[in-house]
Amino acid sequence: MNTVLIYSLFVSIVVLALYPILRVAISSSKAFAFNRAVLLLGMSAALLTPAVALLVPLENAAVAKDISIDAVAAGNPTPAENVLATTVSTALPFIQLIYFAGIAILLSRTIYAAARISLLIRKSRKETFGGHTLCVHTEKGIAPFSWGRYIVLSDDDRCNAILSHECRHIGARHWIDIAIAECFCIFAWYNPAVWLYKNLVKLNHEFEADAAVISSGIAVSEYQHLLIAKAVGNRAMPLAASFATNSRNFRKRVLLIGADAVSRRRKWVTLCALPAIMAAGAVIASPATAEVLTSITAAGISVTPSSEPAVGQTVAEDEQIQPIDATVLPSPIKEPDLLRNLISVAFSSSDSKLPEKIQIHLNVDEDGQIKSVTTDHDSNPNVRAIIDEALNGVRFETTRQNGRPVELNLNLSVAVK
């Protein structure tokens, strides 16, 4: 669940960067096919940019900071567990609950809307018009709309202009864009820019369909009066390309119908989307974002509590540490006591003069192989020899974070019995 939430946040960052630029480029533009392509590419970029930018942070999240096995196992905060990590770890369950509850509510609303449209189509009288299925209903207050291959309207709304308008929606398959935008809104429902982006997609559809009606020979003033009579005040069906519109979009539609074509130079504004995407990717891949990412992903790591006695503490005869024969150990993050057990046995069987406690630092690669080992007593040849012998041939199970093998830096404290 952490991965979905993180990915959603980063998609939102890209949409926030793109929306102002695309709004300027597309608003009042009559290059409808170009606008549509740019909007679809923008949604694709919003999905792909985080996936590319996160490759490095996700792979290296575990090596951003050293992991102290002793502090983690004992449940004490490590130097790496700063205020941010603590705050994220505490708030994360509530954030996840709110986020996924929002998704569940919107998904339920979408399913309900689809079921309502299907029921209305099923109850309607079916006719054929221009190779499309015309569904004529008797309900009041529902604006004409198209959905898939169906045109749905009442007898009172039947006229050539409205039929031409809805035929254009069906011919251009605008329902596909609306479905994709609806999924975006469900996935990142908390981001206002995502909803504005969806509105921009639908508005461009209406511009295109309005232009198709005017090009069919209907007078501009006549069609503007039709919009006033039919498009305002009636309910628009969610998920559908509806003839109805809110007051703000209505004004834009009426003005654009009678407006001259905007200079093609406005298309060049869309080139600004490239540095915007790069800037969003830089934010996603920045060290500050990687720190937040590490805090979120680390919240799901579970560690077995340590049962090592404190220095100088005695243990019963039947509780003495027993040697470990296996050389393939579980991940030291999940089972730190096994690694400590292995090293403690080596020290306890030595007759050499040794310090009472030794701090050990290990670097373990993605395959679980020990790359390097250092201690705070490397100057003592006995310590070095015992450590090398104890860890000779030892390999760990691969540690994964978000499904990816990760490299680990481990700090381990061993009390010499």
Protein backbone atom coordinates (compact mmCIF):
# COMPACT_ATOMS: atom_id res chain seq x y z
CA MET A 1 0.00 0.00 0.00
CA ASN A 2 2.91 2.35 0.65
CA THR A 3 4.02 2.01 -2.97
CA VAL A 4 0.59 3.01 -4.32
CA LEU A 5 0.44 6.05 -2.07
CA ILE A 6 3.98 7.15 -2.97
CA TYR A 7 3.33 6.69 -6.68
CA SER A 8 0.10 8.68 -6.40
CA LEU A 9 1.91 11.57 -4.70
CA PHE A 10 4.55 11.70 -7.42
CA VAL A 11 1.97 11.53 -10.22
CA SER A 12 0.32 14.53 -8.54
CA ILE A 13 3.60 16.45 -8.62
CA VAL A 14 3.86 15.99 -12.39
CA VAL A 15 0.22 17.01 -12.94
CA LEU A 16 0.75 20.13 -10.82
CA ALA A 17 3.69 21.08 -13.02
CA LEU A 18 1.89 20.36 -16.30
CA TYR A 19 -1.60 21.75 -15.78
CA PRO A 20 -0.87 25.53 -15.84
CA ILE A 21 1.15 25.17 -19.05
CA LEU A 22 -1.41 23.02 -20.85
CA ARG A 23 -4.25 25.26 -19.77
CA VAL A 24 -2.58 28.29 -21.34
CA ALA A 25 -1.74 26.35 -24.52
CA ILE A 26 -5.16 24.75 -24.99
CA SER A 27 -7.58 27.37 -23.69
CA SER A 28 -9.34 29.11 -26.61
CA SER A 29 -7.41 26.99 -29.11
CA LYS A 30 -9.28 25.45 -32.04
CA ALA A 31 -6.58 22.88 -32.83
CA PHE A 32 -8.71 20.22 -31.17
CA ALA A 33 -6.83 17.14 -32.38
CA PHE A 34 -3.53 18.69 -31.28
CA ASN A 35 -5.01 19.64 -27.91
CA ARG A 36 -6.29 16.13 -27.37
CA ALA A 37 -2.94 14.56 -28.24
CA VAL A 38 -1.13 16.93 -25.85
CA LEU A 39 -3.55 16.16 -23.00
CA LEU A 40 -3.21 12.41 -23.49
CA LEU A 41 0.58 12.72 -23.67
CA GLY A 42 0.45 14.77 -20.47
CA MET A 43 -1.38 11.98 -18.65
CA SER A 44 1.13 9.47 -20.00
CA ALA A 45 4.02 11.65 -18.82
CA ALA A 46 2.41 11.94 -15.38
CA LEU A 47 2.39 8.14 -15.12
CA LEU A 48 5.84 7.47 -16.58
CA THR A 49 7.93 10.30 -15.09
CA PRO A 50 7.69 9.06 -11.47
CA ALA A 51 8.41 5.49 -12.56
CA VAL A 52 11.63 6.61 -14.26
CA ALA A 53 12.67 9.10 -11.59
CA LEU A 54 12.06 6.62 -8.76
CA LEU A 55 14.34 3.91 -10.13
CA VAL A 56 17.39 5.35 -8.38
CA PRO A 57 15.73 6.32 -5.05
CA LEU A 58 13.88 3.02 -4.74
CA GLU A 59 16.99 0.97 -5.42
CA ASN A 60 19.20 2.93 -3.06
CA ALA A 61 16.70 3.78 -0.32
CA ALA A 62 18.26 1.39 2.15
CA VAL A 63 21.81 2.69 1.73
CA ALA A 64 20.91 6.33 2.25
CA LYS A 65 21.60 5.87 5.95
CA ASP A 66 23.26 3.28 8.10
CA ILE A 67 21.01 0.86 9.96
CA SER A 68 21.82 0.17 13.59
CA ILE A 69 20.70 -3.38 14.32
CA ASP A 70 21.01 -2.89 18.07
CA ALA A 71 18.84 0.19 18.23
CA VAL A 72 16.23 -1.20 15.86
CA ALA A 73 16.07 -4.55 17.67
CA ALA A 74 15.75 -2.89 21.04
CA GLY A 75 13.11 -0.47 19.81
CA ASN A 76 15.25 2.62 20.51
CA PRO A 77 15.58 5.47 18.01
CA THR A 78 18.71 5.48 15.87
CA PRO A 79 20.51 8.59 14.62
CA ALA A 80 18.79 8.05 11.30
CA GLU A 81 15.34 8.14 12.88
CA ASN A 82 14.88 11.89 12.90
CA VAL A 83 11.78 13.96 13.49
CA LEU A 84 10.59 13.45 9.91
CA ALA A 85 10.82 9.67 10.09
CA THR A 86 8.99 9.60 13.41
CA THR A 87 6.23 11.89 12.15
CA VAL A 88 5.77 9.92 8.94
CA SER A 89 5.73 6.61 10.79
CA THR A 90 3.06 7.88 13.18
CA ALA A 91 0.84 9.56 10.61
CA LEU A 92 1.20 6.99 7.82
CA PRO A 93 -1.59 4.61 8.93
CA PHE A 94 -4.08 7.50 9.13
CA ILE A 95 -2.95 8.90 5.76
CA GLN A 96 -3.35 5.48 4.17
CA LEU A 97 -6.80 5.07 5.71
CA ILE A 98 -7.99 8.44 4.38
CA TYR A 99 -6.42 7.91 0.94
CA PHE A 100 -7.85 4.45 0.33
CA ALA A 101 -11.22 5.45 1.80
CA GLY A 102 -11.36 8.26 -0.76
CA ILE A 103 -10.54 5.81 -3.53
CA ALA A 104 -13.27 3.44 -2.32
CA ILE A 105 -15.87 6.22 -2.21
CA LEU A 106 -15.04 7.54 -5.69
CA LEU A 107 -14.85 4.06 -7.15
CA SER A 108 -18.27 3.28 -5.70
CA ARG A 109 -19.64 6.51 -7.14
CA THR A 110 -18.21 5.66 -10.56
CA ILE A 111 -19.70 2.18 -10.52
CA TYR A 112 -23.07 3.66 -9.47
CA ALA A 113 -22.93 6.21 -12.30
CA ALA A 114 -22.12 3.50 -14.86
CA ALA A 115 -24.97 1.34 -13.55
CA ARG A 116 -27.37 4.28 -13.72
CA ILE A 117 -26.43 5.03 -17.35
CA SER A 118 -26.79 1.36 -18.25
CA LEU A 119 -30.24 1.24 -16.65
CA LEU A 120 -31.35 4.40 -18.48
CA ILE A 121 -30.16 2.95 -21.80
CA ARG A 122 -31.91 -0.34 -21.11
CA LYS A 123 -35.22 1.42 -20.37
CA SER A 124 -35.02 3.73 -23.41
CA ARG A 125 -36.59 3.29 -26.80
CA LYS A 126 -33.95 2.24 -29.35
CA GLU A 127 -33.61 3.78 -32.81
CA THR A 128 -30.87 3.99 -35.41
CA PHE A 129 -29.31 7.30 -36.44
CA GLY A 130 -26.22 7.68 -38.63
CA GLY A 131 -24.98 4.22 -37.79
CA HIS A 132 -25.31 4.87 -34.05
CA THR A 133 -27.88 3.66 -31.54
CA LEU A 134 -30.29 6.37 -30.44
CA CYS A 135 -31.79 5.85 -26.97
CA VAL A 136 -34.89 7.96 -26.36
CA HIS A 137 -36.04 8.24 -22.74
CA THR A 138 -38.88 10.03 -20.98
CA GLU A 139 -37.05 11.36 -17.90
CA LYS A 140 -36.90 15.11 -17.32
CA GLY A 141 -33.90 17.27 -16.49
CA ILE A 142 -31.21 15.05 -18.04
CA ALA A 143 -29.14 16.73 -20.73
CA PRO A 144 -28.42 14.81 -23.96
CA PHE A 145 -25.24 12.75 -23.76
CA SER A 146 -23.30 10.04 -25.53
CA TRP A 147 -21.71 6.98 -23.97
CA GLY A 148 -19.80 4.43 -25.99
CA ARG A 149 -21.88 3.89 -29.14
CA TYR A 150 -25.11 5.24 -27.64
CA ILE A 151 -26.73 8.67 -27.98
CA VAL A 152 -29.13 9.22 -25.10
CA LEU A 153 -31.72 12.03 -25.13
CA SER A 154 -35.39 12.78 -24.67
CA ASP A 155 -37.92 13.47 -27.43
CA ASP A 156 -37.90 17.15 -26.48
CA ASP A 157 -34.12 17.36 -27.11
CA ARG A 158 -34.14 15.72 -30.53
CA CYS A 159 -32.79 18.11 -33.15
CA ASN A 160 -30.10 18.01 -35.84
CA ALA A 161 -27.66 20.20 -33.92
CA ILE A 162 -27.68 18.05 -30.79
CA LEU A 163 -27.51 14.84 -32.80
CA SER A 164 -24.55 16.17 -34.81
CA HIS A 165 -22.87 17.21 -31.57
CA GLU A 166 -23.23 13.76 -29.96
CA CYS A 167 -22.29 11.95 -33.19
CA ARG A 168 -19.00 13.82 -33.13
CA HIS A 169 -18.32 12.61 -29.58
CA ILE A 170 -18.97 9.01 -30.63
CA GLY A 171 -16.96 9.25 -33.85
CA ALA A 172 -13.93 10.66 -32.00
CA ARG A 173 -14.28 8.08 -29.18
CA HIS A 174 -14.14 10.80 -26.55
CA TRP A 175 -15.40 8.33 -23.96
CA ILE A 176 -11.91 6.77 -23.85
CA ASP A 177 -10.30 10.05 -22.76
CA ILE A 178 -13.03 10.58 -20.15
CA ALA A 179 -12.51 7.08 -18.72
CA ILE A 180 -8.75 7.64 -18.43
CA ALA A 181 -9.24 11.05 -16.80
CA GLU A 182 -11.78 9.53 -14.40
CA CYS A 183 -9.21 6.91 -13.34
CA PHE A 184 -6.70 9.71 -12.76
CA CYS A 185 -9.17 11.50 -10.50
CA ILE A 186 -9.81 8.35 -8.48
CA PHE A 187 -6.09 7.59 -8.17
CA ALA A 188 -5.11 11.13 -7.05
CA TRP A 189 -8.47 12.43 -5.77
CA TYR A 190 -6.87 14.76 -3.19
CA ASN A 191 -5.15 16.87 -5.86
CA PRO A 192 -7.30 19.73 -7.26
CA ALA A 193 -5.08 19.94 -10.35
CA VAL A 194 -6.14 16.43 -11.39
CA TRP A 195 -9.83 17.44 -11.38
CA LEU A 196 -9.01 20.62 -13.31
CA TYR A 197 -7.08 18.50 -15.80
CA LYS A 198 -10.13 16.27 -16.30
CA ASN A 199 -12.28 19.37 -16.85
CA LEU A 200 -9.79 20.55 -19.48
CA VAL A 201 -10.08 17.20 -21.28
CA LYS A 202 -13.88 17.34 -21.34
CA LEU A 203 -13.92 21.01 -22.33
CA ASN A 204 -11.72 20.30 -25.35
CA HIS A 205 -14.18 17.55 -26.34
CA GLU A 206 -17.06 20.03 -26.20
CA PHE A 207 -15.11 22.59 -28.23
CA GLU A 208 -14.50 19.96 -30.90
CA ALA A 209 -18.13 18.78 -30.98
CA ASP A 210 -19.42 22.38 -31.09
CA ALA A 211 -17.10 23.12 -34.02
CA ALA A 212 -18.41 20.04 -35.85
CA VAL A 213 -21.97 21.36 -35.49
CA ILE A 214 -21.03 24.79 -36.85
CA SER A 215 -19.14 23.26 -39.77
CA SER A 216 -22.29 21.29 -40.70
CA GLY A 217 -23.97 24.56 -41.72
CA ILE A 218 -25.88 25.62 -38.60
CA ALA A 219 -25.72 29.34 -37.90
CA VAL A 220 -23.53 30.39 -34.98
CA SER A 221 -26.24 32.50 -33.33
CA GLU A 222 -28.79 29.70 -33.67
CA TYR A 223 -26.46 27.20 -32.03
CA GLN A 224 -25.57 29.65 -29.26
CA HIS A 225 -29.27 30.04 -28.45
CA LEU A 226 -29.62 26.25 -28.43
CA LEU A 227 -26.79 25.99 -25.92
CA ILE A 228 -28.52 28.50 -23.69
CA ALA A 229 -31.79 26.57 -23.88
CA LYS A 230 -30.49 23.02 -23.55
CA ALA A 231 -27.00 23.01 -22.03
CA VAL A 232 -27.63 25.08 -18.89
CA GLY A 233 -29.82 23.86 -16.03
CA ASN A 234 -29.99 20.21 -17.06
CA ARG A 235 -28.07 17.50 -15.22
CA ALA A 236 -24.90 16.17 -16.82
CA MET A 237 -24.31 12.45 -16.48
CA PRO A 238 -20.92 11.49 -14.99
CA LEU A 239 -18.64 9.36 -17.19
CA ALA A 240 -20.47 10.58 -20.33
CA ALA A 241 -19.84 13.26 -22.96
CA SER A 242 -22.76 15.48 -22.03
CA PHE A 243 -24.29 18.38 -23.91
CA ALA A 244 -24.84 20.09 -20.55
CA THR A 245 -22.13 22.16 -18.95
CA ASN A 246 -21.55 24.28 -15.89
CA SER A 247 -21.83 28.06 -16.11
CA ARG A 248 -18.09 28.65 -16.34
CA ASN A 249 -17.53 26.16 -19.17
CA PHE A 250 -20.73 27.33 -20.86
CA ARG A 251 -19.34 30.85 -21.19
CA LYS A 252 -16.11 29.52 -22.72
CA ARG A 253 -18.04 27.39 -25.22
CA VAL A 254 -20.28 30.22 -26.33
CA LEU A 255 -17.35 32.61 -26.75
CA LEU A 256 -15.20 30.11 -28.64
CA ILE A 257 -17.97 29.29 -31.14
CA GLY A 258 -17.93 32.84 -32.47
CA ALA A 259 -14.23 33.53 -31.95
CA ASP A 260 -11.55 33.64 -34.63
CA ALA A 261 -8.87 30.97 -34.69
CA VAL A 262 -6.05 31.60 -32.24
CA SER A 263 -2.56 31.96 -33.65
CA ARG A 264 -0.82 28.67 -34.22
CA ARG A 265 2.13 30.05 -32.29
CA ARG A 266 0.29 29.20 -29.10
CA LYS A 267 1.11 25.57 -29.79
CA TRP A 268 4.74 26.34 -29.04
CA VAL A 269 3.75 27.02 -25.44
CA THR A 270 3.39 23.25 -25.04
CA LEU A 271 7.18 22.96 -25.39
CA CYS A 272 7.36 24.43 -21.89
CA ALA A 273 5.89 21.13 -20.72
CA LEU A 274 9.28 19.45 -21.28
CA PRO A 275 11.21 21.51 -18.69
CA ALA A 276 8.16 21.25 -16.40
CA ILE A 277 8.32 17.46 -16.57
CA MET A 278 12.09 17.56 -16.00
CA ALA A 279 11.61 19.83 -12.98
CA ALA A 280 8.96 17.49 -11.56
CA GLY A 281 11.30 14.53 -12.10
CA ALA A 282 14.11 16.41 -10.33
CA VAL A 283 11.84 17.05 -7.34
CA ILE A 284 10.84 13.39 -7.23
CA ALA A 285 14.46 12.21 -7.40
CA SER A 286 15.82 14.85 -4.99
CA PRO A 287 17.52 13.84 -1.70
CA ALA A 288 14.72 15.46 0.33
CA THR A 289 12.12 13.37 -1.49
CA ALA A 290 14.30 10.27 -1.09
CA GLU A 291 14.38 10.92 2.66
CA VAL A 292 10.57 11.05 2.80
CA LEU A 293 10.43 7.95 0.62
CA THR A 294 12.81 6.11 2.94
CA SER A 295 10.73 7.11 5.97
CA ILE A 296 7.52 5.82 4.37
CA THR A 297 8.97 2.56 3.09
CA ALA A 298 10.81 1.91 6.36
CA ALA A 299 7.54 2.11 8.25
CA GLY A 300 6.66 -1.33 6.98
CA ILE A 301 9.89 -3.06 8.09
CA SER A 302 9.41 -5.46 11.02
CA VAL A 303 12.34 -6.53 13.17
CA THR A 304 12.55 -9.32 15.76
CA PRO A 305 13.30 -7.80 19.17
CA SER A 306 16.76 -8.48 20.53
CA SER A 307 17.16 -10.87 23.45
CA GLU A 308 20.90 -10.32 24.00
CA PRO A 309 21.82 -9.87 27.68
CA ALA A 310 23.49 -6.63 28.62
CA VAL A 311 27.23 -6.49 29.15
CA GLY A 312 28.15 -8.26 32.37
CA GLN A 313 24.74 -9.95 32.68
CA THR A 314 24.89 -13.72 33.28
CA VAL A 315 22.64 -16.30 31.66
CA ALA A 316 21.56 -19.77 32.78
CA GLU A 317 23.53 -22.84 31.66
CA ASP A 318 20.74 -24.11 29.37
CA GLU A 319 20.39 -20.65 27.84
CA GLN A 320 24.01 -20.41 26.72
CA ILE A 321 24.48 -19.50 23.06
CA GLN A 322 24.69 -22.51 20.79
CA PRO A 323 26.80 -22.56 17.63
CA ILE A 324 25.13 -22.05 14.27
CA ASP A 325 26.13 -24.43 11.50
CA ALA A 326 24.29 -22.80 8.59
CA THR A 327 26.18 -20.22 6.52
CA VAL A 328 23.07 -18.81 4.80
CA LEU A 329 21.33 -16.55 7.29
CA PRO A 330 18.02 -14.66 7.12
CA SER A 331 18.19 -10.95 6.39
CA PRO A 332 19.99 -9.27 9.31
CA ILE A 333 17.24 -6.65 9.40
CA LYS A 334 14.62 -9.26 10.29
CA GLU A 335 16.78 -11.65 12.35
CA PRO A 336 19.66 -9.68 13.93
CA ASP A 337 20.11 -12.15 16.77
CA LEU A 338 21.27 -14.92 14.44
CA LEU A 339 24.15 -12.83 13.16
CA ARG A 340 25.03 -11.72 16.67
CA ASN A 341 24.85 -15.35 17.80
CA LEU A 342 27.30 -16.46 15.12
CA ILE A 343 29.88 -13.83 16.04
CA SER A 344 29.42 -14.29 19.80
CA VAL A 345 30.15 -18.02 19.51
CA ALA A 346 33.42 -17.27 17.72
CA PHE A 347 34.52 -14.83 20.45
CA SER A 348 33.43 -17.09 23.33
CA SER A 349 35.53 -19.98 22.02
CA SER A 350 38.69 -17.87 21.86
CA ASP A 351 41.30 -17.78 24.65
CA SER A 352 42.80 -14.51 23.40
CA LYS A 353 42.54 -11.28 25.34
CA LEU A 354 39.60 -9.40 23.90
CA PRO A 355 37.67 -6.20 24.71
CA GLU A 356 34.35 -6.56 26.54
CA LYS A 357 32.29 -5.08 23.68
CA ILE A 358 32.96 -4.68 19.97
CA GLN A 359 31.18 -2.48 17.45
CA ILE A 360 31.02 -4.07 13.99
CA HIS A 361 30.06 -2.44 10.70
CA LEU A 362 29.11 -4.65 7.74
CA ASN A 363 28.34 -3.76 4.14
CA VAL A 364 26.08 -6.36 2.46
CA ASP A 365 25.40 -6.20 -1.29
CA GLU A 366 22.09 -6.83 -3.09
CA ASP A 367 22.85 -10.58 -3.36
CA GLY A 368 23.42 -10.95 0.39
CA GLN A 369 27.22 -11.23 0.10
CA ILE A 370 29.33 -9.46 2.71
CA LYS A 371 31.42 -6.87 0.88
CA SER A 372 33.35 -5.42 3.81
CA VAL A 373 33.62 -5.68 7.61
CA THR A 374 35.20 -3.16 9.97
CA THR A 375 35.26 -2.89 13.77
CA ASP A 376 36.22 -0.32 16.36
CA HIS A 377 39.11 -2.65 17.33
CA ASP A 378 40.62 -3.35 13.90
CA SER A 379 44.04 -2.60 15.38
CA ASN A 380 43.70 -5.73 17.52
CA PRO A 381 44.85 -8.67 15.33
CA ASN A 382 42.95 -11.19 17.47
CA VAL A 383 39.63 -9.39 16.90
CA ARG A 384 40.31 -9.13 13.18
CA ALA A 385 41.18 -12.80 12.88
CA ILE A 386 38.11 -13.99 14.83
CA ILE A 387 35.74 -11.76 12.81
CA ASP A 388 37.20 -12.95 9.49
CA GLU A 389 36.89 -16.58 10.53
CA ALA A 390 33.35 -16.22 11.89
CA LEU A 391 32.03 -14.53 8.73
CA ASN A 392 34.00 -16.57 6.23
CA GLY A 393 31.54 -17.99 3.69
CA VAL A 394 28.51 -16.44 5.38
CA ARG A 395 25.80 -15.15 3.07
CA PHE A 396 22.43 -13.57 3.85
CA GLU A 397 19.07 -13.93 2.20
CA THR A 398 18.37 -11.03 -0.16
CA THR A 399 16.80 -8.03 1.56
CA ARG A 400 14.08 -6.43 -0.54
CA GLN A 401 12.40 -3.07 -0.36
CA ASN A 402 9.41 -2.43 -2.62
CA GLY A 403 10.25 -5.70 -4.35
CA ARG A 404 13.81 -4.66 -5.21
CA PRO A 405 17.04 -6.13 -3.80
CA VAL A 406 18.86 -3.49 -1.75
CA GLU A 407 22.34 -3.01 -0.34
CA LEU A 408 22.64 -2.67 3.43
CA ASN A 409 25.01 -0.89 5.80
CA LEU A 410 24.71 -2.54 9.22
CA ASN A 411 25.96 -1.52 12.66
CA LEU A 412 26.14 -4.38 15.16
CA SER A 413 27.24 -4.38 18.80
CA VAL A 414 28.54 -7.68 20.23
CA ALA A 415 29.26 -8.29 23.91
CA VAL A 416 32.19 -10.64 24.43
CA LYS A 417 31.39 -13.29 27.06
